[in-house]
Amino acid sequence: MITMLPTKGTPVTPITNPELWYQWYITLSEDAPELCDQFIEETAAKMEITVDYLYDEFLPPPYSALV
């Protein structure tokens, strides 16, 4: 399946484009796990929510189950 890339002004978040965001998260956690925290923090900032809320709502425990 081909995933549409976001337009320049649209931030990719679990709300705006969940399929693409989770694909990025899974790929990042497999290939560069040291960057996952930064990815989560930047996503939370784009969504204007706390990191804890992002984990609670969009990455339910265990967080590694998506990987």
PDB file of N, CA and C in Angstrom:
ATOM      1  N   MET A   1       0.835  -1.171   0.000  1.00  0.00           N
ATOM      2  CA  MET A   1       0.000   0.000   0.000  1.00  0.00           C
ATOM      3  C   MET A   1       0.887   1.244   0.000  1.00  0.00           C
ATOM      4  N   ILE A   2       0.496   2.223  -0.769  1.00  0.00           N
ATOM      5  CA  ILE A   2       1.244   3.479  -0.829  1.00  0.00           C
ATOM      6  C   ILE A   2       0.599   4.458   0.137  1.00  0.00           C
ATOM      7  N   THR A   3       1.423   5.027   1.015  1.00  0.00           N
ATOM      8  CA  THR A   3       0.940   6.009   1.965  1.00  0.00           C
ATOM      9  C   THR A   3       1.198   7.393   1.403  1.00  0.00           C
ATOM     10  N   MET A   4       0.180   8.212   1.427  1.00  0.00           N
ATOM     11  CA  MET A   4       0.333   9.578   0.924  1.00  0.00           C
ATOM     12  C   MET A   4       1.231  10.373   1.862  1.00  0.00           C
ATOM     13  N   LEU A   5       2.142  11.116   1.291  1.00  0.00           N
ATOM     14  CA  LEU A   5       2.983  11.985   2.093  1.00  0.00           C
ATOM     15  C   LEU A   5       2.200  13.233   2.451  1.00  0.00           C
ATOM     16  N   PRO A   6       2.461  13.784   3.611  1.00  0.00           N
ATOM     17  CA  PRO A   6       1.719  14.968   4.024  1.00  0.00           C
ATOM     18  C   PRO A   6       2.105  16.176   3.185  1.00  0.00           C
ATOM     19  N   THR A   7       1.192  17.135   3.103  1.00  0.00           N
ATOM     20  CA  THR A   7       1.540  18.377   2.439  1.00  0.00           C
ATOM     21  C   THR A   7       2.460  19.161   3.348  1.00  0.00           C
ATOM     22  N   LYS A   8       3.098  20.176   2.787  1.00  0.00           N
ATOM     23  CA  LYS A   8       4.113  20.919   3.532  1.00  0.00           C
ATOM     24  C   LYS A   8       3.595  21.510   4.843  1.00  0.00           C
ATOM     25  N   GLY A   9       2.372  21.997   4.874  1.00  0.00           N
ATOM     26  CA  GLY A   9       1.862  22.664   6.065  1.00  0.00           C
ATOM     27  C   GLY A   9       1.147  21.756   7.047  1.00  0.00           C
ATOM     28  N   THR A  10       0.997  20.486   6.742  1.00  0.00           N
ATOM     29  CA  THR A  10       0.264  19.572   7.607  1.00  0.00           C
ATOM     30  C   THR A  10       1.225  18.753   8.465  1.00  0.00           C
ATOM     31  N   PRO A  11       1.194  18.937   9.791  1.00  0.00           N
ATOM     32  CA  PRO A  11       2.058  18.107  10.644  1.00  0.00           C
ATOM     33  C   PRO A  11       1.505  16.683  10.713  1.00  0.00           C
ATOM     34  N   VAL A  12       2.387  15.730  10.708  1.00  0.00           N
ATOM     35  CA  VAL A  12       1.977  14.328  10.820  1.00  0.00           C
ATOM     36  C   VAL A  12       1.942  13.973  12.295  1.00  0.00           C
ATOM     37  N   THR A  13       0.767  13.635  12.773  1.00  0.00           N
ATOM     38  CA  THR A  13       0.557  13.246  14.164  1.00  0.00           C
ATOM     39  C   THR A  13      -0.357  12.024  14.181  1.00  0.00           C
ATOM     40  N   PRO A  14      -0.524  11.394  15.343  1.00  0.00           N
ATOM     41  CA  PRO A  14      -1.441  10.265  15.411  1.00  0.00           C
ATOM     42  C   PRO A  14      -2.895  10.650  15.113  1.00  0.00           C
ATOM     43  N   ILE A  15      -3.200  11.931  15.146  1.00  0.00           N
ATOM     44  CA  ILE A  15      -4.567  12.373  14.840  1.00  0.00           C
ATOM     45  C   ILE A  15      -4.703  12.738  13.366  1.00  0.00           C
ATOM     46  N   THR A  16      -3.744  13.486  12.816  1.00  0.00           N
ATOM     47  CA  THR A  16      -3.872  13.961  11.434  1.00  0.00           C
ATOM     48  C   THR A  16      -3.609  12.884  10.400  1.00  0.00           C
ATOM     49  N   ASN A  17      -2.681  11.975  10.680  1.00  0.00           N
ATOM     50  CA  ASN A  17      -2.357  10.909   9.736  1.00  0.00           C
ATOM     51  C   ASN A  17      -1.830   9.712  10.541  1.00  0.00           C
ATOM     52  N   PRO A  18      -2.734   9.001  11.219  1.00  0.00           N
ATOM     53  CA  PRO A  18      -2.281   7.933  12.123  1.00  0.00           C
ATOM     54  C   PRO A  18      -1.503   6.826  11.440  1.00  0.00           C
ATOM     55  N   GLU A  19      -1.914   6.417  10.261  1.00  0.00           N
ATOM     56  CA  GLU A  19      -1.218   5.317   9.581  1.00  0.00           C
ATOM     57  C   GLU A  19       0.250   5.668   9.324  1.00  0.00           C
ATOM     58  N   LEU A  20       0.490   6.850   8.783  1.00  0.00           N
ATOM     59  CA  LEU A  20       1.858   7.268   8.489  1.00  0.00           C
ATOM     60  C   LEU A  20       2.656   7.491   9.774  1.00  0.00           C
ATOM     61  N   TRP A  21       2.038   8.117  10.780  1.00  0.00           N
ATOM     62  CA  TRP A  21       2.759   8.388  12.020  1.00  0.00           C
ATOM     63  C   TRP A  21       3.201   7.095  12.680  1.00  0.00           C
ATOM     64  N   TYR A  22       2.320   6.101  12.768  1.00  0.00           N
ATOM     65  CA  TYR A  22       2.688   4.833  13.392  1.00  0.00           C
ATOM     66  C   TYR A  22       3.723   4.081  12.563  1.00  0.00           C
ATOM     67  N   GLN A  23       3.669   4.205  11.245  1.00  0.00           N
ATOM     68  CA  GLN A  23       4.714   3.599  10.403  1.00  0.00           C
ATOM     69  C   GLN A  23       6.065   4.222  10.728  1.00  0.00           C
ATOM     70  N   TRP A  24       6.088   5.551  10.839  1.00  0.00           N
ATOM     71  CA  TRP A  24       7.341   6.235  11.179  1.00  0.00           C
ATOM     72  C   TRP A  24       7.821   5.801  12.558  1.00  0.00           C
ATOM     73  N   TYR A  25       6.909   5.734  13.537  1.00  0.00           N
ATOM     74  CA  TYR A  25       7.277   5.360  14.897  1.00  0.00           C
ATOM     75  C   TYR A  25       7.869   3.950  14.934  1.00  0.00           C
ATOM     76  N   ILE A  26       7.238   3.020  14.268  1.00  0.00           N
ATOM     77  CA  ILE A  26       7.724   1.642  14.264  1.00  0.00           C
ATOM     78  C   ILE A  26       9.085   1.553  13.592  1.00  0.00           C
ATOM     79  N   THR A  27       9.230   2.211  12.451  1.00  0.00           N
ATOM     80  CA  THR A  27      10.511   2.200  11.738  1.00  0.00           C
ATOM     81  C   THR A  27      11.607   2.825  12.583  1.00  0.00           C
ATOM     82  N   LEU A  28      11.316   3.950  13.193  1.00  0.00           N
ATOM     83  CA  LEU A  28      12.301   4.637  14.028  1.00  0.00           C
ATOM     84  C   LEU A  28      12.680   3.789  15.232  1.00  0.00           C
ATOM     85  N   SER A  29      11.710   3.163  15.880  1.00  0.00           N
ATOM     86  CA  SER A  29      12.032   2.371  17.059  1.00  0.00           C
ATOM     87  C   SER A  29      12.834   1.117  16.716  1.00  0.00           C
ATOM     88  N   GLU A  30      12.704   0.634  15.489  1.00  0.00           N
ATOM     89  CA  GLU A  30      13.500  -0.519  15.068  1.00  0.00           C
ATOM     90  C   GLU A  30      14.892  -0.112  14.594  1.00  0.00           C
ATOM     91  N   ASP A  31      14.964   0.960  13.815  1.00  0.00           N
ATOM     92  CA  ASP A  31      16.224   1.341  13.172  1.00  0.00           C
ATOM     93  C   ASP A  31      17.053   2.363  13.946  1.00  0.00           C
ATOM     94  N   ALA A  32      16.422   3.197  14.743  1.00  0.00           N
ATOM     95  CA  ALA A  32      17.149   4.232  15.483  1.00  0.00           C
ATOM     96  C   ALA A  32      16.449   4.504  16.819  1.00  0.00           C
ATOM     97  N   PRO A  33      16.427   3.518  17.709  1.00  0.00           N
ATOM     98  CA  PRO A  33      15.690   3.693  18.968  1.00  0.00           C
ATOM     99  C   PRO A  33      16.180   4.871  19.817  1.00  0.00           C
ATOM    100  N   GLU A  34      17.410   5.282  19.602  1.00  0.00           N
ATOM    101  CA  GLU A  34      17.930   6.419  20.373  1.00  0.00           C
ATOM    102  C   GLU A  34      17.232   7.727  19.994  1.00  0.00           C
ATOM    103  N   LEU A  35      16.505   7.751  18.870  1.00  0.00           N
ATOM    104  CA  LEU A  35      15.799   8.947  18.438  1.00  0.00           C
ATOM    105  C   LEU A  35      14.314   8.944  18.785  1.00  0.00           C
ATOM    106  N   CYS A  36      13.823   7.855  19.365  1.00  0.00           N
ATOM    107  CA  CYS A  36      12.388   7.739  19.670  1.00  0.00           C
ATOM    108  C   CYS A  36      11.915   8.813  20.643  1.00  0.00           C
ATOM    109  N   ASP A  37      12.680   9.089  21.685  1.00  0.00           N
ATOM    110  CA  ASP A  37      12.273  10.109  22.653  1.00  0.00           C
ATOM    111  C   ASP A  37      12.106  11.463  21.983  1.00  0.00           C
ATOM    112  N   GLN A  38      13.042  11.826  21.132  1.00  0.00           N
ATOM    113  CA  GLN A  38      12.962  13.104  20.421  1.00  0.00           C
ATOM    114  C   GLN A  38      11.737  13.128  19.502  1.00  0.00           C
ATOM    115  N   PHE A  39      11.471  12.038  18.815  1.00  0.00           N
ATOM    116  CA  PHE A  39      10.316  11.941  17.927  1.00  0.00           C
ATOM    117  C   PHE A  39       9.018  12.133  18.715  1.00  0.00           C
ATOM    118  N   ILE A  40       8.921  11.472  19.866  1.00  0.00           N
ATOM    119  CA  ILE A  40       7.735  11.591  20.716  1.00  0.00           C
ATOM    120  C   ILE A  40       7.593  13.023  21.230  1.00  0.00           C
ATOM    121  N   GLU A  41       8.689  13.616  21.681  1.00  0.00           N
ATOM    122  CA  GLU A  41       8.644  14.991  22.196  1.00  0.00           C
ATOM    123  C   GLU A  41       8.223  15.976  21.115  1.00  0.00           C
ATOM    124  N   GLU A  42       8.751  15.823  19.913  1.00  0.00           N
ATOM    125  CA  GLU A  42       8.394  16.721  18.819  1.00  0.00           C
ATOM    126  C   GLU A  42       6.940  16.536  18.398  1.00  0.00           C
ATOM    127  N   THR A  43       6.470  15.311  18.422  1.00  0.00           N
ATOM    128  CA  THR A  43       5.063  15.057  18.095  1.00  0.00           C
ATOM    129  C   THR A  43       4.155  15.702  19.132  1.00  0.00           C
ATOM    130  N   ALA A  44       4.495  15.530  20.403  1.00  0.00           N
ATOM    131  CA  ALA A  44       3.691  16.138  21.473  1.00  0.00           C
ATOM    132  C   ALA A  44       3.674  17.660  21.333  1.00  0.00           C
ATOM    133  N   ALA A  45       4.795  18.250  20.973  1.00  0.00           N
ATOM    134  CA  ALA A  45       4.857  19.697  20.784  1.00  0.00           C
ATOM    135  C   ALA A  45       3.964  20.134  19.621  1.00  0.00           C
ATOM    136  N   LYS A  46       3.987  19.389  18.525  1.00  0.00           N
ATOM    137  CA  LYS A  46       3.127  19.710  17.379  1.00  0.00           C
ATOM    138  C   LYS A  46       1.653  19.648  17.769  1.00  0.00           C
ATOM    139  N   MET A  47       1.317  18.677  18.615  1.00  0.00           N
ATOM    140  CA  MET A  47      -0.069  18.484  19.026  1.00  0.00           C
ATOM    141  C   MET A  47      -0.457  19.385  20.199  1.00  0.00           C
ATOM    142  N   GLU A  48       0.529  20.060  20.778  1.00  0.00           N
ATOM    143  CA  GLU A  48       0.342  20.927  21.939  1.00  0.00           C
ATOM    144  C   GLU A  48      -0.261  20.160  23.120  1.00  0.00           C
ATOM    145  N   ILE A  49       0.333  18.981  23.374  1.00  0.00           N
ATOM    146  CA  ILE A  49      -0.052  18.145  24.511  1.00  0.00           C
ATOM    147  C   ILE A  49       1.223  17.719  25.236  1.00  0.00           C
ATOM    148  N   THR A  50       1.062  17.137  26.408  1.00  0.00           N
ATOM    149  CA  THR A  50       2.234  16.661  27.130  1.00  0.00           C
ATOM    150  C   THR A  50       2.672  15.304  26.580  1.00  0.00           C
ATOM    151  N   VAL A  51       3.922  14.995  26.799  1.00  0.00           N
ATOM    152  CA  VAL A  51       4.458  13.699  26.382  1.00  0.00           C
ATOM    153  C   VAL A  51       3.722  12.575  27.101  1.00  0.00           C
ATOM    154  N   ASP A  52       3.439  12.763  28.367  1.00  0.00           N
ATOM    155  CA  ASP A  52       2.714  11.745  29.131  1.00  0.00           C
ATOM    156  C   ASP A  52       1.340  11.468  28.524  1.00  0.00           C
ATOM    157  N   TYR A  53       0.640  12.523  28.124  1.00  0.00           N
ATOM    158  CA  TYR A  53      -0.673  12.345  27.515  1.00  0.00           C
ATOM    159  C   TYR A  53      -0.546  11.601  26.184  1.00  0.00           C
ATOM    160  N   LEU A  54       0.464  11.922  25.400  1.00  0.00           N
ATOM    161  CA  LEU A  54       0.671  11.230  24.127  1.00  0.00           C
ATOM    162  C   LEU A  54       0.886   9.738  24.369  1.00  0.00           C
ATOM    163  N   TYR A  55       1.728   9.400  25.336  1.00  0.00           N
ATOM    164  CA  TYR A  55       1.945   7.990  25.680  1.00  0.00           C
ATOM    165  C   TYR A  55       0.642   7.324  26.128  1.00  0.00           C
ATOM    166  N   ASP A  56      -0.091   7.989  26.997  1.00  0.00           N
ATOM    167  CA  ASP A  56      -1.319   7.399  27.544  1.00  0.00           C
ATOM    168  C   ASP A  56      -2.389   7.182  26.484  1.00  0.00           C
ATOM    169  N   GLU A  57      -2.537   8.134  25.577  1.00  0.00           N
ATOM    170  CA  GLU A  57      -3.618   8.063  24.604  1.00  0.00           C
ATOM    171  C   GLU A  57      -3.256   7.354  23.297  1.00  0.00           C
ATOM    172  N   PHE A  58      -2.001   7.475  22.868  1.00  0.00           N
ATOM    173  CA  PHE A  58      -1.645   6.986  21.540  1.00  0.00           C
ATOM    174  C   PHE A  58      -0.641   5.844  21.533  1.00  0.00           C
ATOM    175  N   LEU A  59       0.004   5.591  22.647  1.00  0.00           N
ATOM    176  CA  LEU A  59       0.944   4.477  22.760  1.00  0.00           C
ATOM    177  C   LEU A  59       0.652   3.721  24.050  1.00  0.00           C
ATOM    178  N   PRO A  60      -0.476   3.012  24.094  1.00  0.00           N
ATOM    179  CA  PRO A  60      -0.831   2.319  25.322  1.00  0.00           C
ATOM    180  C   PRO A  60       0.188   1.254  25.696  1.00  0.00           C
ATOM    181  N   PRO A  61       0.345   0.991  26.991  1.00  0.00           N
ATOM    182  CA  PRO A  61       1.323   0.002  27.450  1.00  0.00           C
ATOM    183  C   PRO A  61       1.002  -1.380  26.911  1.00  0.00           C
ATOM    184  N   PRO A  62       1.932  -2.224  26.693  1.00  0.00           N
ATOM    185  CA  PRO A  62       3.364  -1.863  26.675  1.00  0.00           C
ATOM    186  C   PRO A  62       3.710  -1.106  25.400  1.00  0.00           C
ATOM    187  N   TYR A  63       4.490  -0.076  25.537  1.00  0.00           N
ATOM    188  CA  TYR A  63       4.826   0.791  24.417  1.00  0.00           C
ATOM    189  C   TYR A  63       5.552   0.037  23.317  1.00  0.00           C
ATOM    190  N   SER A  64       6.256  -0.993  23.659  1.00  0.00           N
ATOM    191  CA  SER A  64       7.002  -1.752  22.661  1.00  0.00           C
ATOM    192  C   SER A  64       6.112  -2.715  21.883  1.00  0.00           C
ATOM    193  N   ALA A  65       4.837  -2.835  22.244  1.00  0.00           N
ATOM    194  CA  ALA A  65       3.959  -3.763  21.542  1.00  0.00           C
ATOM    195  C   ALA A  65       3.726  -3.348  20.099  1.00  0.00           C
ATOM    196  N   LEU A  66       3.880  -2.063  19.798  1.00  0.00           N
ATOM    197  CA  LEU A  66       3.691  -1.598  18.427  1.00  0.00           C
ATOM    198  C   LEU A  66       4.881  -1.941  17.548  1.00  0.00           C
ATOM    199  N   VAL A  67       5.980  -2.225  18.181  1.00  0.00           N
ATOM    200  CA  VAL A  67       7.211  -2.455  17.418  1.00  0.00           C
ATOM    201  C   VAL A  67       7.284  -3.876  16.934  1.00  0.00           C
TER     202      VAL A  67
END
